[in-house]
Amino acid sequence: MTYSLDVRGRRVAVVGGGLLAAAESAALREGGAAVTVVAEALCDTLRDLVERGLVTRSSSVPDDAFLTVRAEGAPRSPRPGSPESPDARHPVGTVTLVGAGPGDPGLMTVAGREALLAADVVVTDRLVPLEALRLAPAGSLVVDVAKIPRGPSTPQEEINRLLVEHALAGRTVVRLKGGDPFVFGRGGEELVACAKAGVPTRLVPGVSSAISAPGLAGIPVTHRGVTQGFTVVSGHVPPGHPESTLDYAALAASGTTLVVLMGVRTLSAITDALVAAGLPPHTPAAVVADAGLPSQRDVRGTVDAIAELAESAGIGAPAVAVIGAVADVDGLP
């Protein structure tokens, strides 16, 4: 899905502000290009790429542009032959929940790619490999339901409604989600909503960032003679929050590697709670950001300092924290 033209180290302008432009920008970045988006308005996903510093934005094509890619269009309606609205005369369609992995398009499964190739409708998340959207057939409908941290967010109820509505209209729907749909991806809620509406569903599992992000940074979540397990938790709310159900004293005493997803904003509170519960402050820790992307980076330290180190390094979401002896790869037997 990358460009056959060698764009490594070259400035490429992408004209357009929609999901198609986001997909082309991601593919060009994968090929090593420095991408500038030229558009008056940006979709939420493309704006997120700009704010994360992954692409730049300009009001005109830069003078030093090696190549200009026009991606101004965006699929707006289902392919010819697909019904325009729910109709009892048409058979019920299907919904396939596809885990797209951590961000590298090469880590998406063959089954996931095949599902995209057959889709009438793709309902897509922020953290999917955007290049994968280029696999959707011409004329398919691509719906952006990105949930931007502290930014625009599509309510889960609206996502459920979209899946059911399009499937009941007889369409083949792919719900494309970063990582694995059932690992903090709310895929279970979407499965239940479809089941209640009588919509057939299937799951294409994805490579979860809980394992792949540490792995891509050279950190094994388990290691013989060091730890016999790993525990994955959500950090979307801090310890002591009314919605938190985690027992941090138990986590501190578990003897397993701790992997924290969605915990950039709350990492300081989480590490403080673990140390207060008895986890030695010198326990190795790491934070891996943008796993699987050309912009991947990580910071290493100890549990009592890792939050400050990550903040000083400007680490933002998406990022995965790893706490345990395995985070000190040099110290492994």
C-alpha atoms as a PDB file:
ATOM      1  CA  MET A   1       0.000   0.000   0.000  1.00  0.00           C
ATOM      2  CA  THR A   2       3.049   2.271   0.019  1.00  0.00           C
ATOM      3  CA  TYR A   3       4.130   4.338  -2.973  1.00  0.00           C
ATOM      4  CA  SER A   4       6.299   2.709  -5.653  1.00  0.00           C
ATOM      5  CA  LEU A   5       7.880   6.112  -6.281  1.00  0.00           C
ATOM      6  CA  ASP A   6      10.834   6.766  -3.973  1.00  0.00           C
ATOM      7  CA  VAL A   7       9.714   9.615  -1.698  1.00  0.00           C
ATOM      8  CA  ARG A   8      12.180   9.054   1.139  1.00  0.00           C
ATOM      9  CA  GLY A   9      13.297  12.351   2.624  1.00  0.00           C
ATOM     10  CA  ARG A  10      11.281  14.380   0.088  1.00  0.00           C
ATOM     11  CA  ARG A  11       8.554  16.944   0.659  1.00  0.00           C
ATOM     12  CA  VAL A  12       5.182  15.780  -0.670  1.00  0.00           C
ATOM     13  CA  ALA A  13       2.044  17.924  -0.683  1.00  0.00           C
ATOM     14  CA  VAL A  14      -1.339  16.281  -0.191  1.00  0.00           C
ATOM     15  CA  VAL A  15      -4.225  18.445  -1.357  1.00  0.00           C
ATOM     16  CA  GLY A  16      -7.388  17.639   0.587  1.00  0.00           C
ATOM     17  CA  GLY A  17      -8.677  17.659   4.125  1.00  0.00           C
ATOM     18  CA  GLY A  18     -10.740  14.486   4.438  1.00  0.00           C
ATOM     19  CA  LEU A  19     -10.146  10.847   5.314  1.00  0.00           C
ATOM     20  CA  LEU A  20      -8.819  10.140   1.827  1.00  0.00           C
ATOM     21  CA  ALA A  21      -6.131  12.772   2.379  1.00  0.00           C
ATOM     22  CA  ALA A  22      -5.360  11.256   5.783  1.00  0.00           C
ATOM     23  CA  ALA A  23      -4.933   7.817   4.210  1.00  0.00           C
ATOM     24  CA  GLU A  24      -2.649   9.142   1.460  1.00  0.00           C
ATOM     25  CA  SER A  25      -0.633  11.136   4.008  1.00  0.00           C
ATOM     26  CA  ALA A  26      -0.114   8.055   6.159  1.00  0.00           C
ATOM     27  CA  ALA A  27       0.998   5.971   3.174  1.00  0.00           C
ATOM     28  CA  LEU A  28       3.477   8.672   2.130  1.00  0.00           C
ATOM     29  CA  ARG A  29       4.863   8.920   5.656  1.00  0.00           C
ATOM     30  CA  GLU A  30       5.301   5.143   5.666  1.00  0.00           C
ATOM     31  CA  GLY A  31       7.388   5.620   2.530  1.00  0.00           C
ATOM     32  CA  GLY A  32       9.594   8.149   4.324  1.00  0.00           C
ATOM     33  CA  ALA A  33       8.153  11.383   2.926  1.00  0.00           C
ATOM     34  CA  ALA A  34       7.749  14.660   4.790  1.00  0.00           C
ATOM     35  CA  VAL A  35       4.063  15.402   4.228  1.00  0.00           C
ATOM     36  CA  THR A  36       2.379  18.799   4.041  1.00  0.00           C
ATOM     37  CA  VAL A  37      -1.416  18.870   3.874  1.00  0.00           C
ATOM     38  CA  VAL A  38      -2.970  21.664   1.848  1.00  0.00           C
ATOM     39  CA  ALA A  39      -6.599  22.304   2.785  1.00  0.00           C
ATOM     40  CA  GLU A  40      -8.878  24.982   4.174  1.00  0.00           C
ATOM     41  CA  ALA A  41     -10.593  22.576   6.580  1.00  0.00           C
ATOM     42  CA  LEU A  42      -9.444  19.272   8.050  1.00  0.00           C
ATOM     43  CA  CYS A  43     -11.377  16.241   9.239  1.00  0.00           C
ATOM     44  CA  ASP A  44     -10.819  15.296  12.882  1.00  0.00           C
ATOM     45  CA  THR A  45      -8.434  12.456  12.047  1.00  0.00           C
ATOM     46  CA  LEU A  46      -6.254  14.616   9.787  1.00  0.00           C
ATOM     47  CA  ARG A  47      -6.275  17.457  12.310  1.00  0.00           C
ATOM     48  CA  ASP A  48      -5.076  14.965  14.910  1.00  0.00           C
ATOM     49  CA  LEU A  49      -2.113  14.026  12.680  1.00  0.00           C
ATOM     50  CA  VAL A  50      -1.203  17.707  12.383  1.00  0.00           C
ATOM     51  CA  GLU A  51      -1.492  18.332  16.120  1.00  0.00           C
ATOM     52  CA  ARG A  52       0.707  15.304  16.841  1.00  0.00           C
ATOM     53  CA  GLY A  53       3.352  16.712  14.496  1.00  0.00           C
ATOM     54  CA  LEU A  54       3.135  13.765  12.096  1.00  0.00           C
ATOM     55  CA  VAL A  55       2.258  15.999   9.126  1.00  0.00           C
ATOM     56  CA  THR A  56       2.390  19.750   8.586  1.00  0.00           C
ATOM     57  CA  ARG A  57      -0.299  22.039   7.228  1.00  0.00           C
ATOM     58  CA  SER A  58      -0.111  24.840   4.685  1.00  0.00           C
ATOM     59  CA  SER A  59      -2.508  27.085   2.798  1.00  0.00           C
ATOM     60  CA  SER A  60      -0.656  26.457  -0.476  1.00  0.00           C
ATOM     61  CA  VAL A  61       1.572  23.845  -2.057  1.00  0.00           C
ATOM     62  CA  PRO A  62       5.149  24.385  -0.768  1.00  0.00           C
ATOM     63  CA  ASP A  63       7.694  25.549  -3.338  1.00  0.00           C
ATOM     64  CA  ASP A  64       9.990  22.638  -2.450  1.00  0.00           C
ATOM     65  CA  ALA A  65       7.313  19.956  -2.998  1.00  0.00           C
ATOM     66  CA  PHE A  66       8.732  17.009  -4.925  1.00  0.00           C
ATOM     67  CA  LEU A  67       5.242  15.648  -5.585  1.00  0.00           C
ATOM     68  CA  THR A  68       1.660  16.830  -5.212  1.00  0.00           C
ATOM     69  CA  VAL A  69      -1.025  14.240  -4.493  1.00  0.00           C
ATOM     70  CA  ARG A  70      -4.642  15.279  -4.942  1.00  0.00           C
ATOM     71  CA  ALA A  71      -6.924  13.604  -2.425  1.00  0.00           C
ATOM     72  CA  GLU A  72      -9.769  16.084  -2.300  1.00  0.00           C
ATOM     73  CA  GLY A  73     -12.577  13.603  -2.765  1.00  0.00           C
ATOM     74  CA  ALA A  74     -14.038  11.317  -0.135  1.00  0.00           C
ATOM     75  CA  PRO A  75     -16.541   8.476  -0.475  1.00  0.00           C
ATOM     76  CA  ARG A  76     -19.951   9.815   0.468  1.00  0.00           C
ATOM     77  CA  SER A  77     -22.408   7.125  -0.567  1.00  0.00           C
ATOM     78  CA  PRO A  78     -22.557   3.345  -0.726  1.00  0.00           C
ATOM     79  CA  ARG A  79     -21.463   1.559  -3.868  1.00  0.00           C
ATOM     80  CA  PRO A  80     -23.964   1.233  -6.715  1.00  0.00           C
ATOM     81  CA  GLY A  81     -26.451  -1.506  -6.007  1.00  0.00           C
ATOM     82  CA  SER A  82     -26.425  -1.041  -2.251  1.00  0.00           C
ATOM     83  CA  PRO A  83     -29.785  -0.004  -0.792  1.00  0.00           C
ATOM     84  CA  GLU A  84     -30.082   3.623   0.259  1.00  0.00           C
ATOM     85  CA  SER A  85     -32.105   2.991   3.397  1.00  0.00           C
ATOM     86  CA  PRO A  86     -33.310   0.095   5.552  1.00  0.00           C
ATOM     87  CA  ASP A  87     -35.834  -1.906   3.571  1.00  0.00           C
ATOM     88  CA  ALA A  88     -37.428  -5.244   4.468  1.00  0.00           C
ATOM     89  CA  ARG A  89     -37.060  -6.345   0.836  1.00  0.00           C
ATOM     90  CA  HIS A  90     -33.291  -6.494   1.216  1.00  0.00           C
ATOM     91  CA  PRO A  91     -31.478  -9.159   3.202  1.00  0.00           C
ATOM     92  CA  VAL A  92     -29.770  -8.083   6.395  1.00  0.00           C
ATOM     93  CA  GLY A  93     -26.103  -7.312   5.928  1.00  0.00           C
ATOM     94  CA  THR A  94     -23.234  -8.116   8.255  1.00  0.00           C
ATOM     95  CA  VAL A  95     -20.845  -6.333  10.606  1.00  0.00           C
ATOM     96  CA  THR A  96     -17.241  -7.466  10.887  1.00  0.00           C
ATOM     97  CA  LEU A  97     -15.206  -6.113  13.792  1.00  0.00           C
ATOM     98  CA  VAL A  98     -11.639  -5.845  12.505  1.00  0.00           C
ATOM     99  CA  GLY A  99      -8.662  -5.290  14.747  1.00  0.00           C
ATOM    100  CA  ALA A 100      -6.171  -3.233  12.747  1.00  0.00           C
ATOM    101  CA  GLY A 101      -3.194  -3.632  15.077  1.00  0.00           C
ATOM    102  CA  PRO A 102      -0.982  -0.957  16.609  1.00  0.00           C
ATOM    103  CA  GLY A 103      -0.482   1.333  13.608  1.00  0.00           C
ATOM    104  CA  ASP A 104       1.914  -0.364  11.212  1.00  0.00           C
ATOM    105  CA  PRO A 105      -0.135  -1.495   8.181  1.00  0.00           C
ATOM    106  CA  GLY A 106       2.144  -4.518   7.890  1.00  0.00           C
ATOM    107  CA  LEU A 107       0.857  -5.773  11.252  1.00  0.00           C
ATOM    108  CA  MET A 108      -2.749  -5.945  10.090  1.00  0.00           C
ATOM    109  CA  THR A 109      -3.964  -9.481   9.479  1.00  0.00           C
ATOM    110  CA  VAL A 110      -4.688 -10.935   6.051  1.00  0.00           C
ATOM    111  CA  ALA A 111      -8.282 -11.580   7.169  1.00  0.00           C
ATOM    112  CA  GLY A 112      -8.629  -7.920   8.126  1.00  0.00           C
ATOM    113  CA  ARG A 113      -7.417  -6.768   4.722  1.00  0.00           C
ATOM    114  CA  GLU A 114      -9.788  -9.148   2.972  1.00  0.00           C
ATOM    115  CA  ALA A 115     -12.707  -7.787   4.982  1.00  0.00           C
ATOM    116  CA  LEU A 116     -11.844  -4.232   3.892  1.00  0.00           C
ATOM    117  CA  LEU A 117     -11.666  -5.259   0.238  1.00  0.00           C
ATOM    118  CA  ALA A 118     -15.276  -6.492   0.426  1.00  0.00           C
ATOM    119  CA  ALA A 119     -16.746  -3.607   2.453  1.00  0.00           C
ATOM    120  CA  ASP A 120     -19.670  -1.419   1.443  1.00  0.00           C
ATOM    121  CA  VAL A 121     -19.206   0.687   4.594  1.00  0.00           C
ATOM    122  CA  VAL A 122     -16.130   1.209   6.763  1.00  0.00           C
ATOM    123  CA  VAL A 123     -16.608   2.765  10.200  1.00  0.00           C
ATOM    124  CA  THR A 124     -13.111   3.721  11.268  1.00  0.00           C
ATOM    125  CA  ASP A 125     -11.240   4.809  14.402  1.00  0.00           C
ATOM    126  CA  ARG A 126      -8.446   7.312  14.984  1.00  0.00           C
ATOM    127  CA  LEU A 127      -5.628   4.849  15.673  1.00  0.00           C
ATOM    128  CA  VAL A 128      -5.996   2.460  12.743  1.00  0.00           C
ATOM    129  CA  PRO A 129      -3.288   2.275  10.047  1.00  0.00           C
ATOM    130  CA  LEU A 130      -4.810   4.996   7.884  1.00  0.00           C
ATOM    131  CA  GLU A 131      -3.175   3.570   4.745  1.00  0.00           C
ATOM    132  CA  ALA A 132      -5.499   0.581   5.123  1.00  0.00           C
ATOM    133  CA  LEU A 133      -8.451   2.774   4.171  1.00  0.00           C
ATOM    134  CA  ARG A 134      -7.074   2.752   0.623  1.00  0.00           C
ATOM    135  CA  LEU A 135      -8.132  -0.915   0.463  1.00  0.00           C
ATOM    136  CA  ALA A 136     -11.817   0.022   0.683  1.00  0.00           C
ATOM    137  CA  PRO A 137     -13.486  -0.322  -2.745  1.00  0.00           C
ATOM    138  CA  ALA A 138     -14.112   2.806  -4.799  1.00  0.00           C
ATOM    139  CA  GLY A 139     -17.512   4.193  -3.913  1.00  0.00           C
ATOM    140  CA  SER A 140     -17.655   2.595  -0.488  1.00  0.00           C
ATOM    141  CA  LEU A 141     -18.705   4.795   2.400  1.00  0.00           C
ATOM    142  CA  VAL A 142     -15.961   5.578   4.915  1.00  0.00           C
ATOM    143  CA  VAL A 143     -17.257   7.021   8.187  1.00  0.00           C
ATOM    144  CA  ASP A 144     -14.866   8.702  10.621  1.00  0.00           C
ATOM    145  CA  VAL A 145     -15.893   8.114  14.249  1.00  0.00           C
ATOM    146  CA  ALA A 146     -12.599   9.209  15.779  1.00  0.00           C
ATOM    147  CA  LYS A 147     -12.395   9.804  19.504  1.00  0.00           C
ATOM    148  CA  ILE A 148      -9.710  12.470  19.989  1.00  0.00           C
ATOM    149  CA  PRO A 149      -8.354  12.781  23.558  1.00  0.00           C
ATOM    150  CA  ARG A 150      -9.780  15.999  25.028  1.00  0.00           C
ATOM    151  CA  GLY A 151     -11.166  16.775  21.557  1.00  0.00           C
ATOM    152  CA  PRO A 152     -13.997  15.762  19.202  1.00  0.00           C
ATOM    153  CA  SER A 153     -15.500  12.414  20.087  1.00  0.00           C
ATOM    154  CA  THR A 154     -18.262  10.327  18.537  1.00  0.00           C
ATOM    155  CA  PRO A 155     -20.556   8.881  21.249  1.00  0.00           C
ATOM    156  CA  GLN A 156     -20.500   5.096  21.414  1.00  0.00           C
ATOM    157  CA  GLU A 157     -24.283   5.018  21.059  1.00  0.00           C
ATOM    158  CA  GLU A 158     -23.981   6.793  17.712  1.00  0.00           C
ATOM    159  CA  ILE A 159     -21.359   4.306  16.524  1.00  0.00           C
ATOM    160  CA  ASN A 160     -23.634   1.413  17.500  1.00  0.00           C
ATOM    161  CA  ARG A 161     -26.509   3.057  15.635  1.00  0.00           C
ATOM    162  CA  LEU A 162     -24.445   3.477  12.459  1.00  0.00           C
ATOM    163  CA  LEU A 163     -23.378  -0.163  12.444  1.00  0.00           C
ATOM    164  CA  VAL A 164     -26.906  -1.449  12.911  1.00  0.00           C
ATOM    165  CA  GLU A 165     -28.475   0.982  10.445  1.00  0.00           C
ATOM    166  CA  HIS A 166     -26.127   0.155   7.590  1.00  0.00           C
ATOM    167  CA  ALA A 167     -26.274  -3.591   8.231  1.00  0.00           C
ATOM    168  CA  LEU A 168     -30.079  -3.575   8.315  1.00  0.00           C
ATOM    169  CA  ALA A 169     -29.919  -1.817   4.944  1.00  0.00           C
ATOM    170  CA  GLY A 170     -28.222  -4.918   3.554  1.00  0.00           C
ATOM    171  CA  ARG A 171     -24.668  -3.573   3.522  1.00  0.00           C
ATOM    172  CA  THR A 172     -21.396  -5.295   4.315  1.00  0.00           C
ATOM    173  CA  VAL A 173     -20.006  -3.243   7.179  1.00  0.00           C
ATOM    174  CA  VAL A 174     -16.468  -3.268   8.548  1.00  0.00           C
ATOM    175  CA  ARG A 175     -15.844  -1.712  11.938  1.00  0.00           C
ATOM    176  CA  LEU A 176     -12.129  -0.924  11.783  1.00  0.00           C
ATOM    177  CA  LYS A 177     -10.537  -0.498  15.202  1.00  0.00           C
ATOM    178  CA  GLY A 178      -6.986   0.035  16.405  1.00  0.00           C
ATOM    179  CA  GLY A 179      -5.336  -2.847  18.260  1.00  0.00           C
ATOM    180  CA  ASP A 180      -7.816  -5.589  19.093  1.00  0.00           C
ATOM    181  CA  PRO A 181     -11.554  -4.775  19.271  1.00  0.00           C
ATOM    182  CA  PHE A 182     -11.992  -6.577  22.598  1.00  0.00           C
ATOM    183  CA  VAL A 183      -9.026  -5.025  24.442  1.00  0.00           C
ATOM    184  CA  PHE A 184     -10.414  -1.713  25.731  1.00  0.00           C
ATOM    185  CA  GLY A 185     -11.861  -1.158  22.263  1.00  0.00           C
ATOM    186  CA  ARG A 186     -15.542  -1.342  23.268  1.00  0.00           C
ATOM    187  CA  GLY A 187     -15.986  -4.031  20.659  1.00  0.00           C
ATOM    188  CA  GLY A 188     -18.097  -6.003  23.101  1.00  0.00           C
ATOM    189  CA  GLU A 189     -20.636  -3.174  23.249  1.00  0.00           C
ATOM    190  CA  GLU A 190     -20.833  -3.092  19.461  1.00  0.00           C
ATOM    191  CA  LEU A 191     -21.251  -6.867  19.334  1.00  0.00           C
ATOM    192  CA  VAL A 192     -24.129  -6.702  21.812  1.00  0.00           C
ATOM    193  CA  ALA A 193     -25.827  -3.836  19.935  1.00  0.00           C
ATOM    194  CA  CYS A 194     -25.684  -5.793  16.667  1.00  0.00           C
ATOM    195  CA  ALA A 195     -26.912  -8.997  18.307  1.00  0.00           C
ATOM    196  CA  LYS A 196     -29.923  -7.214  19.816  1.00  0.00           C
ATOM    197  CA  ALA A 197     -30.800  -5.858  16.370  1.00  0.00           C
ATOM    198  CA  GLY A 198     -30.474  -9.278  14.726  1.00  0.00           C
ATOM    199  CA  VAL A 199     -27.362  -8.333  12.750  1.00  0.00           C
ATOM    200  CA  PRO A 200     -24.852 -11.160  12.108  1.00  0.00           C
ATOM    201  CA  THR A 201     -21.347 -10.277  13.290  1.00  0.00           C
ATOM    202  CA  ARG A 202     -17.883 -11.785  13.203  1.00  0.00           C
ATOM    203  CA  LEU A 203     -14.567 -10.863  14.769  1.00  0.00           C
ATOM    204  CA  VAL A 204     -11.201 -10.528  13.078  1.00  0.00           C
ATOM    205  CA  PRO A 205      -8.784 -10.272  16.023  1.00  0.00           C
ATOM    206  CA  GLY A 206      -6.010  -7.686  15.934  1.00  0.00           C
ATOM    207  CA  VAL A 207      -2.532  -7.378  17.406  1.00  0.00           C
ATOM    208  CA  SER A 208      -3.044  -5.564  20.700  1.00  0.00           C
ATOM    209  CA  SER A 209      -0.790  -2.641  21.583  1.00  0.00           C
ATOM    210  CA  ALA A 210      -0.584  -4.141  25.089  1.00  0.00           C
ATOM    211  CA  ILE A 211       1.866  -6.701  23.703  1.00  0.00           C
ATOM    212  CA  SER A 212       3.078  -5.176  20.449  1.00  0.00           C
ATOM    213  CA  ALA A 213       4.042  -1.705  21.717  1.00  0.00           C
ATOM    214  CA  PRO A 214       6.471  -3.055  24.331  1.00  0.00           C
ATOM    215  CA  GLY A 215       7.666  -5.685  21.855  1.00  0.00           C
ATOM    216  CA  LEU A 216       8.377  -3.151  19.114  1.00  0.00           C
ATOM    217  CA  ALA A 217      10.494  -1.256  21.656  1.00  0.00           C
ATOM    218  CA  GLY A 218      12.421  -4.435  22.463  1.00  0.00           C
ATOM    219  CA  ILE A 219      10.622  -5.098  25.748  1.00  0.00           C
ATOM    220  CA  PRO A 220       9.214  -8.619  26.315  1.00  0.00           C
ATOM    221  CA  VAL A 221       6.156  -8.563  28.561  1.00  0.00           C
ATOM    222  CA  THR A 222       7.259 -11.925  30.012  1.00  0.00           C
ATOM    223  CA  HIS A 223      10.731 -13.375  30.457  1.00  0.00           C
ATOM    224  CA  ARG A 224      11.811 -16.735  31.877  1.00  0.00           C
ATOM    225  CA  GLY A 225      13.157 -16.387  35.385  1.00  0.00           C
ATOM    226  CA  VAL A 226      11.880 -12.794  35.699  1.00  0.00           C
ATOM    227  CA  THR A 227       8.101 -12.785  35.456  1.00  0.00           C
ATOM    228  CA  GLN A 228       5.503 -15.446  34.751  1.00  0.00           C
ATOM    229  CA  GLY A 229       2.719 -13.154  33.635  1.00  0.00           C
ATOM    230  CA  PHE A 230       1.581  -9.691  32.677  1.00  0.00           C
ATOM    231  CA  THR A 231      -1.426  -7.622  33.682  1.00  0.00           C
ATOM    232  CA  VAL A 232      -3.067  -5.156  31.307  1.00  0.00           C
ATOM    233  CA  VAL A 233      -5.054  -2.272  32.787  1.00  0.00           C
ATOM    234  CA  SER A 234      -6.737   0.881  31.546  1.00  0.00           C
ATOM    235  CA  GLY A 235      -5.448   4.181  32.847  1.00  0.00           C
ATOM    236  CA  HIS A 236      -8.262   6.332  31.487  1.00  0.00           C
ATOM    237  CA  VAL A 237      -9.262   7.262  35.054  1.00  0.00           C
ATOM    238  CA  PRO A 238      -6.799   7.762  37.926  1.00  0.00           C
ATOM    239  CA  PRO A 239      -6.661   5.804  41.208  1.00  0.00           C
ATOM    240  CA  GLY A 240      -9.371   6.922  43.597  1.00  0.00           C
ATOM    241  CA  HIS A 241     -11.699   8.045  40.818  1.00  0.00           C
ATOM    242  CA  PRO A 242     -15.313   6.933  41.378  1.00  0.00           C
ATOM    243  CA  GLU A 243     -15.196   4.997  38.091  1.00  0.00           C
ATOM    244  CA  SER A 244     -11.936   3.182  38.878  1.00  0.00           C
ATOM    245  CA  THR A 245     -12.382  -0.516  39.701  1.00  0.00           C
ATOM    246  CA  LEU A 246      -8.684  -1.382  40.002  1.00  0.00           C
ATOM    247  CA  ASP A 247      -7.034  -2.579  43.214  1.00  0.00           C
ATOM    248  CA  TYR A 248      -3.639  -0.881  43.045  1.00  0.00           C
ATOM    249  CA  ALA A 249      -2.391  -2.636  46.172  1.00  0.00           C
ATOM    250  CA  ALA A 250      -3.068  -5.968  44.478  1.00  0.00           C
ATOM    251  CA  LEU A 251      -1.399  -4.770  41.279  1.00  0.00           C
ATOM    252  CA  ALA A 252       1.679  -3.636  43.199  1.00  0.00           C
ATOM    253  CA  ALA A 253       1.973  -7.056  44.852  1.00  0.00           C
ATOM    254  CA  SER A 254       1.093  -9.127  41.769  1.00  0.00           C
ATOM    255  CA  GLY A 255       4.650  -9.912  40.701  1.00  0.00           C
ATOM    256  CA  THR A 256       3.617  -9.496  37.068  1.00  0.00           C
ATOM    257  CA  THR A 257       4.581  -6.996  34.407  1.00  0.00           C
ATOM    258  CA  LEU A 258       2.060  -4.130  34.451  1.00  0.00           C
ATOM    259  CA  VAL A 259       0.993  -2.729  31.091  1.00  0.00           C
ATOM    260  CA  VAL A 260      -1.030   0.485  31.200  1.00  0.00           C
ATOM    261  CA  LEU A 261      -3.067   1.550  28.170  1.00  0.00           C
ATOM    262  CA  MET A 262      -4.660   4.996  27.805  1.00  0.00           C
ATOM    263  CA  GLY A 263      -2.660   6.244  30.769  1.00  0.00           C
ATOM    264  CA  VAL A 264      -0.577   9.192  29.526  1.00  0.00           C
ATOM    265  CA  ARG A 265      -2.608  11.781  31.394  1.00  0.00           C
ATOM    266  CA  THR A 266      -2.926   9.731  34.598  1.00  0.00           C
ATOM    267  CA  LEU A 267       0.498   8.072  34.687  1.00  0.00           C
ATOM    268  CA  SER A 268       1.825  10.164  37.571  1.00  0.00           C
ATOM    269  CA  ALA A 269      -1.174   9.299  39.766  1.00  0.00           C
ATOM    270  CA  ILE A 270      -0.902   5.620  38.818  1.00  0.00           C
ATOM    271  CA  THR A 271       2.804   5.322  39.599  1.00  0.00           C
ATOM    272  CA  ASP A 272       2.356   7.216  42.872  1.00  0.00           C
ATOM    273  CA  ALA A 273      -0.402   4.798  43.883  1.00  0.00           C
ATOM    274  CA  LEU A 274       1.728   1.763  43.021  1.00  0.00           C
ATOM    275  CA  VAL A 275       4.715   3.032  45.016  1.00  0.00           C
ATOM    276  CA  ALA A 276       2.469   3.951  47.949  1.00  0.00           C
ATOM    277  CA  ALA A 277       1.093   0.400  47.826  1.00  0.00           C
ATOM    278  CA  GLY A 278       4.555  -1.098  48.168  1.00  0.00           C
ATOM    279  CA  LEU A 279       5.995  -1.364  44.658  1.00  0.00           C
ATOM    280  CA  PRO A 280       9.726  -0.551  44.988  1.00  0.00           C
ATOM    281  CA  PRO A 281      10.395   2.934  43.558  1.00  0.00           C
ATOM    282  CA  HIS A 282      13.414   1.657  41.623  1.00  0.00           C
ATOM    283  CA  THR A 283      11.263  -0.802  39.610  1.00  0.00           C
ATOM    284  CA  PRO A 284      12.146  -0.382  35.902  1.00  0.00           C
ATOM    285  CA  ALA A 285       9.539   1.334  33.733  1.00  0.00           C
ATOM    286  CA  ALA A 286       9.144   2.546  30.162  1.00  0.00           C
ATOM    287  CA  VAL A 287       6.673   4.439  28.007  1.00  0.00           C
ATOM    288  CA  VAL A 288       6.354   3.638  24.294  1.00  0.00           C
ATOM    289  CA  ALA A 289       4.614   6.189  22.063  1.00  0.00           C
ATOM    290  CA  ASP A 290       3.320   5.835  18.477  1.00  0.00           C
ATOM    291  CA  ALA A 291       4.166   2.125  18.404  1.00  0.00           C
ATOM    292  CA  GLY A 292       4.503   0.762  14.896  1.00  0.00           C
ATOM    293  CA  LEU A 293       4.686   4.205  13.276  1.00  0.00           C
ATOM    294  CA  PRO A 294       7.738   5.970  11.808  1.00  0.00           C
ATOM    295  CA  SER A 295       7.422   8.396  14.761  1.00  0.00           C
ATOM    296  CA  GLN A 296       7.752   5.641  17.395  1.00  0.00           C
ATOM    297  CA  ARG A 297       9.872   6.562  20.418  1.00  0.00           C
ATOM    298  CA  ASP A 298      10.233   5.507  24.017  1.00  0.00           C
ATOM    299  CA  VAL A 299      11.584   6.713  27.344  1.00  0.00           C
ATOM    300  CA  ARG A 300      13.060   4.489  30.054  1.00  0.00           C
ATOM    301  CA  GLY A 301      13.479   4.988  33.775  1.00  0.00           C
ATOM    302  CA  THR A 302      12.118   3.815  37.114  1.00  0.00           C
ATOM    303  CA  VAL A 303       8.538   3.776  38.279  1.00  0.00           C
ATOM    304  CA  ASP A 304       9.017   6.766  40.590  1.00  0.00           C
ATOM    305  CA  ALA A 305      10.382   8.935  37.762  1.00  0.00           C
ATOM    306  CA  ILE A 306       8.849   7.617  34.532  1.00  0.00           C
ATOM    307  CA  ALA A 307       5.852   9.983  34.508  1.00  0.00           C
ATOM    308  CA  GLU A 308       8.084  13.046  34.768  1.00  0.00           C
ATOM    309  CA  LEU A 309      10.477  11.676  32.153  1.00  0.00           C
ATOM    310  CA  ALA A 310       7.601  11.045  29.733  1.00  0.00           C
ATOM    311  CA  GLU A 311       6.213  14.528  30.263  1.00  0.00           C
ATOM    312  CA  SER A 312       9.644  16.130  29.774  1.00  0.00           C
ATOM    313  CA  ALA A 313      10.038  14.200  26.534  1.00  0.00           C
ATOM    314  CA  GLY A 314       6.682  15.488  25.286  1.00  0.00           C
ATOM    315  CA  ILE A 315       5.155  12.021  25.108  1.00  0.00           C
ATOM    316  CA  GLY A 316       1.466  12.114  24.216  1.00  0.00           C
ATOM    317  CA  ALA A 317      -1.250   9.632  23.335  1.00  0.00           C
ATOM    318  CA  PRO A 318      -1.184   7.010  21.974  1.00  0.00           C
ATOM    319  CA  ALA A 319       1.353   5.567  24.378  1.00  0.00           C
ATOM    320  CA  VAL A 320       1.741   2.408  26.440  1.00  0.00           C
ATOM    321  CA  ALA A 321       3.455   2.239  29.829  1.00  0.00           C
ATOM    322  CA  VAL A 322       5.324  -0.874  30.956  1.00  0.00           C
ATOM    323  CA  ILE A 323       6.222  -1.341  34.623  1.00  0.00           C
ATOM    324  CA  GLY A 324       8.368  -4.248  35.795  1.00  0.00           C
ATOM    325  CA  ALA A 325      11.816  -5.796  35.538  1.00  0.00           C
ATOM    326  CA  VAL A 326      11.346  -6.550  31.831  1.00  0.00           C
ATOM    327  CA  ALA A 327      11.486  -2.805  31.099  1.00  0.00           C
ATOM    328  CA  ASP A 328      15.209  -2.971  31.854  1.00  0.00           C
ATOM    329  CA  VAL A 329      16.205  -5.108  28.901  1.00  0.00           C
ATOM    330  CA  ASP A 330      19.912  -4.771  29.647  1.00  0.00           C
ATOM    331  CA  GLY A 331      19.344  -6.245  33.088  1.00  0.00           C
ATOM    332  CA  LEU A 332      17.527  -9.378  31.928  1.00  0.00           C
ATOM    333  CA  PRO A 333      19.278 -12.716  32.521  1.00  0.00           C
END
